[in-house]
Each structure stands twice: as structure tokens, then as C-alpha cells.
Amino acid sequence: MKIYGKENIFHKVLLKRSLFIYFYKLQNNNEVKVNPSF
């Protein structure tokens, strides 16, 4: 499956957003002060 153009950019944005949500939940669960910057 190949992704071109805008769909590729959209996929990268979704990936960064999912990573941000993952670190945010990890921060809340462990009560660790971590500020990921994307």
C-alpha cells in the first residue's frame, strides 16, 4: 500500500497526534511531569 501527497502528510499528522495522546495518557497514569513537544 503506497501513500502519496496529501494522504502521506495526513498520515504523519495522525501518527504524531496518536503519539502525543499516548504520552499524555502515560503522563497522567504515572503522574510524571513530561512535556513532549511535537
PDB file of N, CA and C in Angstrom:
ATOM      1  N   MET A   1       0.838  -1.192   0.000  1.00  0.00           N
ATOM      2  CA  MET A   1       0.000   0.000   0.000  1.00  0.00           C
ATOM      3  C   MET A   1       0.879   1.250   0.000  1.00  0.00           C
ATOM      4  N   LYS A   2       0.733   2.061  -1.024  1.00  0.00           N
ATOM      5  CA  LYS A   2       1.542   3.274  -1.148  1.00  0.00           C
ATOM      6  C   LYS A   2       0.685   4.508  -0.927  1.00  0.00           C
ATOM      7  N   ILE A   3       1.232   5.465  -0.201  1.00  0.00           N
ATOM      8  CA  ILE A   3       0.503   6.696   0.087  1.00  0.00           C
ATOM      9  C   ILE A   3       1.273   7.874  -0.504  1.00  0.00           C
ATOM     10  N   TYR A   4       0.556   8.710  -1.246  1.00  0.00           N
ATOM     11  CA  TYR A   4       1.208   9.843  -1.903  1.00  0.00           C
ATOM     12  C   TYR A   4       0.596  11.160  -1.463  1.00  0.00           C
ATOM     13  N   GLY A   5       1.397  12.232  -1.581  1.00  0.00           N
ATOM     14  CA  GLY A   5       0.897  13.593  -1.440  1.00  0.00           C
ATOM     15  C   GLY A   5       0.235  13.897  -0.117  1.00  0.00           C
ATOM     16  N   LYS A   6      -0.982  14.442  -0.211  1.00  0.00           N
ATOM     17  CA  LYS A   6      -1.682  14.925   0.977  1.00  0.00           C
ATOM     18  C   LYS A   6      -1.997  13.789   1.941  1.00  0.00           C
ATOM     19  N   GLU A   7      -2.280  12.601   1.417  1.00  0.00           N
ATOM     20  CA  GLU A   7      -2.611  11.470   2.287  1.00  0.00           C
ATOM     21  C   GLU A   7      -1.409  11.090   3.143  1.00  0.00           C
ATOM     22  N   ASN A   8      -0.208  11.215   2.583  1.00  0.00           N
ATOM     23  CA  ASN A   8       1.009  10.899   3.324  1.00  0.00           C
ATOM     24  C   ASN A   8       1.202  11.886   4.465  1.00  0.00           C
ATOM     25  N   ILE A   9       0.983  13.182   4.183  1.00  0.00           N
ATOM     26  CA  ILE A   9       1.107  14.213   5.215  1.00  0.00           C
ATOM     27  C   ILE A   9       0.061  13.991   6.296  1.00  0.00           C
ATOM     28  N   PHE A  10      -1.166  13.664   5.874  1.00  0.00           N
ATOM     29  CA  PHE A  10      -2.254  13.417   6.819  1.00  0.00           C
ATOM     30  C   PHE A  10      -1.904  12.246   7.726  1.00  0.00           C
ATOM     31  N   HIS A  11      -1.277  11.212   7.157  1.00  0.00           N
ATOM     32  CA  HIS A  11      -0.897  10.031   7.928  1.00  0.00           C
ATOM     33  C   HIS A  11       0.160  10.391   8.968  1.00  0.00           C
ATOM     34  N   LYS A  12       1.114  11.242   8.587  1.00  0.00           N
ATOM     35  CA  LYS A  12       2.163  11.659   9.522  1.00  0.00           C
ATOM     36  C   LYS A  12       1.579  12.480  10.661  1.00  0.00           C
ATOM     37  N   VAL A  13       0.598  13.335  10.336  1.00  0.00           N
ATOM     38  CA  VAL A  13      -0.050  14.156  11.365  1.00  0.00           C
ATOM     39  C   VAL A  13      -0.806  13.262  12.338  1.00  0.00           C
ATOM     40  N   LEU A  14      -1.506  12.253  11.811  1.00  0.00           N
ATOM     41  CA  LEU A  14      -2.233  11.315  12.668  1.00  0.00           C
ATOM     42  C   LEU A  14      -1.266  10.564  13.570  1.00  0.00           C
ATOM     43  N   LEU A  15      -0.112  10.187  13.030  1.00  0.00           N
ATOM     44  CA  LEU A  15       0.882   9.442  13.800  1.00  0.00           C
ATOM     45  C   LEU A  15       1.411  10.287  14.949  1.00  0.00           C
ATOM     46  N   LYS A  16       1.724  11.570  14.657  1.00  0.00           N
ATOM     47  CA  LYS A  16       2.215  12.451  15.713  1.00  0.00           C
ATOM     48  C   LYS A  16       1.142  12.694  16.757  1.00  0.00           C
ATOM     49  N   ARG A  17      -0.123  12.807  16.305  1.00  0.00           N
ATOM     50  CA  ARG A  17      -1.212  13.056  17.247  1.00  0.00           C
ATOM     51  C   ARG A  17      -1.401  11.854  18.161  1.00  0.00           C
ATOM     52  N   SER A  18      -1.329  10.641  17.592  1.00  0.00           N
ATOM     53  CA  SER A  18      -1.505   9.433  18.400  1.00  0.00           C
ATOM     54  C   SER A  18      -0.359   9.288  19.398  1.00  0.00           C
ATOM     55  N   LEU A  19       0.848   9.658  18.986  1.00  0.00           N
ATOM     56  CA  LEU A  19       1.995   9.615  19.898  1.00  0.00           C
ATOM     57  C   LEU A  19       1.827  10.620  21.020  1.00  0.00           C
ATOM     58  N   PHE A  20       1.305  11.811  20.691  1.00  0.00           N
ATOM     59  CA  PHE A  20       1.086  12.850  21.699  1.00  0.00           C
ATOM     60  C   PHE A  20       0.054  12.391  22.717  1.00  0.00           C
ATOM     61  N   ILE A  21      -1.042  11.777  22.226  1.00  0.00           N
ATOM     62  CA  ILE A  21      -2.090  11.274  23.122  1.00  0.00           C
ATOM     63  C   ILE A  21      -1.534  10.149  23.990  1.00  0.00           C
ATOM     64  N   TYR A  22      -0.678   9.297  23.406  1.00  0.00           N
ATOM     65  CA  TYR A  22      -0.078   8.193  24.151  1.00  0.00           C
ATOM     66  C   TYR A  22       0.779   8.708  25.301  1.00  0.00           C
ATOM     67  N   PHE A  23       1.639   9.689  25.022  1.00  0.00           N
ATOM     68  CA  PHE A  23       2.497  10.247  26.067  1.00  0.00           C
ATOM     69  C   PHE A  23       1.681  11.011  27.097  1.00  0.00           C
ATOM     70  N   TYR A  24       0.580  11.636  26.635  1.00  0.00           N
ATOM     71  CA  TYR A  24      -0.280  12.389  27.548  1.00  0.00           C
ATOM     72  C   TYR A  24      -0.949  11.451  28.545  1.00  0.00           C
ATOM     73  N   LYS A  25      -1.451  10.314  28.037  1.00  0.00           N
ATOM     74  CA  LYS A  25      -2.082   9.326  28.924  1.00  0.00           C
ATOM     75  C   LYS A  25      -1.045   8.700  29.847  1.00  0.00           C
ATOM     76  N   LEU A  26       0.155   8.462  29.328  1.00  0.00           N
ATOM     77  CA  LEU A  26       1.237   7.888  30.124  1.00  0.00           C
ATOM     78  C   LEU A  26       1.605   8.842  31.256  1.00  0.00           C
ATOM     79  N   GLN A  27       1.612  10.137  30.950  1.00  0.00           N
ATOM     80  CA  GLN A  27       1.922  11.158  31.946  1.00  0.00           C
ATOM     81  C   GLN A  27       0.860  11.177  33.038  1.00  0.00           C
ATOM     82  N   ASN A  28      -0.404  11.053  32.645  1.00  0.00           N
ATOM     83  CA  ASN A  28      -1.493  11.089  33.621  1.00  0.00           C
ATOM     84  C   ASN A  28      -1.504   9.834  34.493  1.00  0.00           C
ATOM     85  N   ASN A  29      -1.192   8.687  33.886  1.00  0.00           N
ATOM     86  CA  ASN A  29      -1.227   7.432  34.629  1.00  0.00           C
ATOM     87  C   ASN A  29      -0.101   7.351  35.650  1.00  0.00           C
ATOM     88  N   ASN A  30       1.081   7.791  35.264  1.00  0.00           N
ATOM     89  CA  ASN A  30       2.246   7.667  36.141  1.00  0.00           C
ATOM     90  C   ASN A  30       2.510   8.921  36.951  1.00  0.00           C
ATOM     91  N   GLU A  31       1.733   9.971  36.661  1.00  0.00           N
ATOM     92  CA  GLU A  31       1.910  11.261  37.330  1.00  0.00           C
ATOM     93  C   GLU A  31       3.351  11.750  37.207  1.00  0.00           C
ATOM     94  N   VAL A  32       3.888  11.625  36.009  1.00  0.00           N
ATOM     95  CA  VAL A  32       5.245  12.085  35.739  1.00  0.00           C
ATOM     96  C   VAL A  32       5.171  13.355  34.898  1.00  0.00           C
ATOM     97  N   LYS A  33       5.965  14.337  35.268  1.00  0.00           N
ATOM     98  CA  LYS A  33       5.946  15.600  34.535  1.00  0.00           C
ATOM     99  C   LYS A  33       6.810  15.487  33.283  1.00  0.00           C
ATOM    100  N   VAL A  34       6.156  15.142  32.185  1.00  0.00           N
ATOM    101  CA  VAL A  34       6.861  15.034  30.913  1.00  0.00           C
ATOM    102  C   VAL A  34       6.150  15.906  29.887  1.00  0.00           C
ATOM    103  N   ASN A  35       6.900  16.737  29.188  1.00  0.00           N
ATOM    104  CA  ASN A  35       6.306  17.625  28.193  1.00  0.00           C
ATOM    105  C   ASN A  35       6.843  17.304  26.802  1.00  0.00           C
ATOM    106  N   PRO A  36       6.195  16.370  26.095  1.00  0.00           N
ATOM    107  CA  PRO A  36       6.614  16.054  24.726  1.00  0.00           C
ATOM    108  C   PRO A  36       6.270  17.199  23.791  1.00  0.00           C
ATOM    109  N   SER A  37       7.204  17.576  22.933  1.00  0.00           N
ATOM    110  CA  SER A  37       6.954  18.678  22.004  1.00  0.00           C
ATOM    111  C   SER A  37       6.903  18.151  20.582  1.00  0.00           C
ATOM    112  N   PHE A  38       5.794  18.402  19.917  1.00  0.00           N
ATOM    113  CA  PHE A  38       5.644  17.971  18.524  1.00  0.00           C
ATOM    114  C   PHE A  38       5.353  19.168  17.646  1.00  0.00           C
TER     115      PHE A  38
END
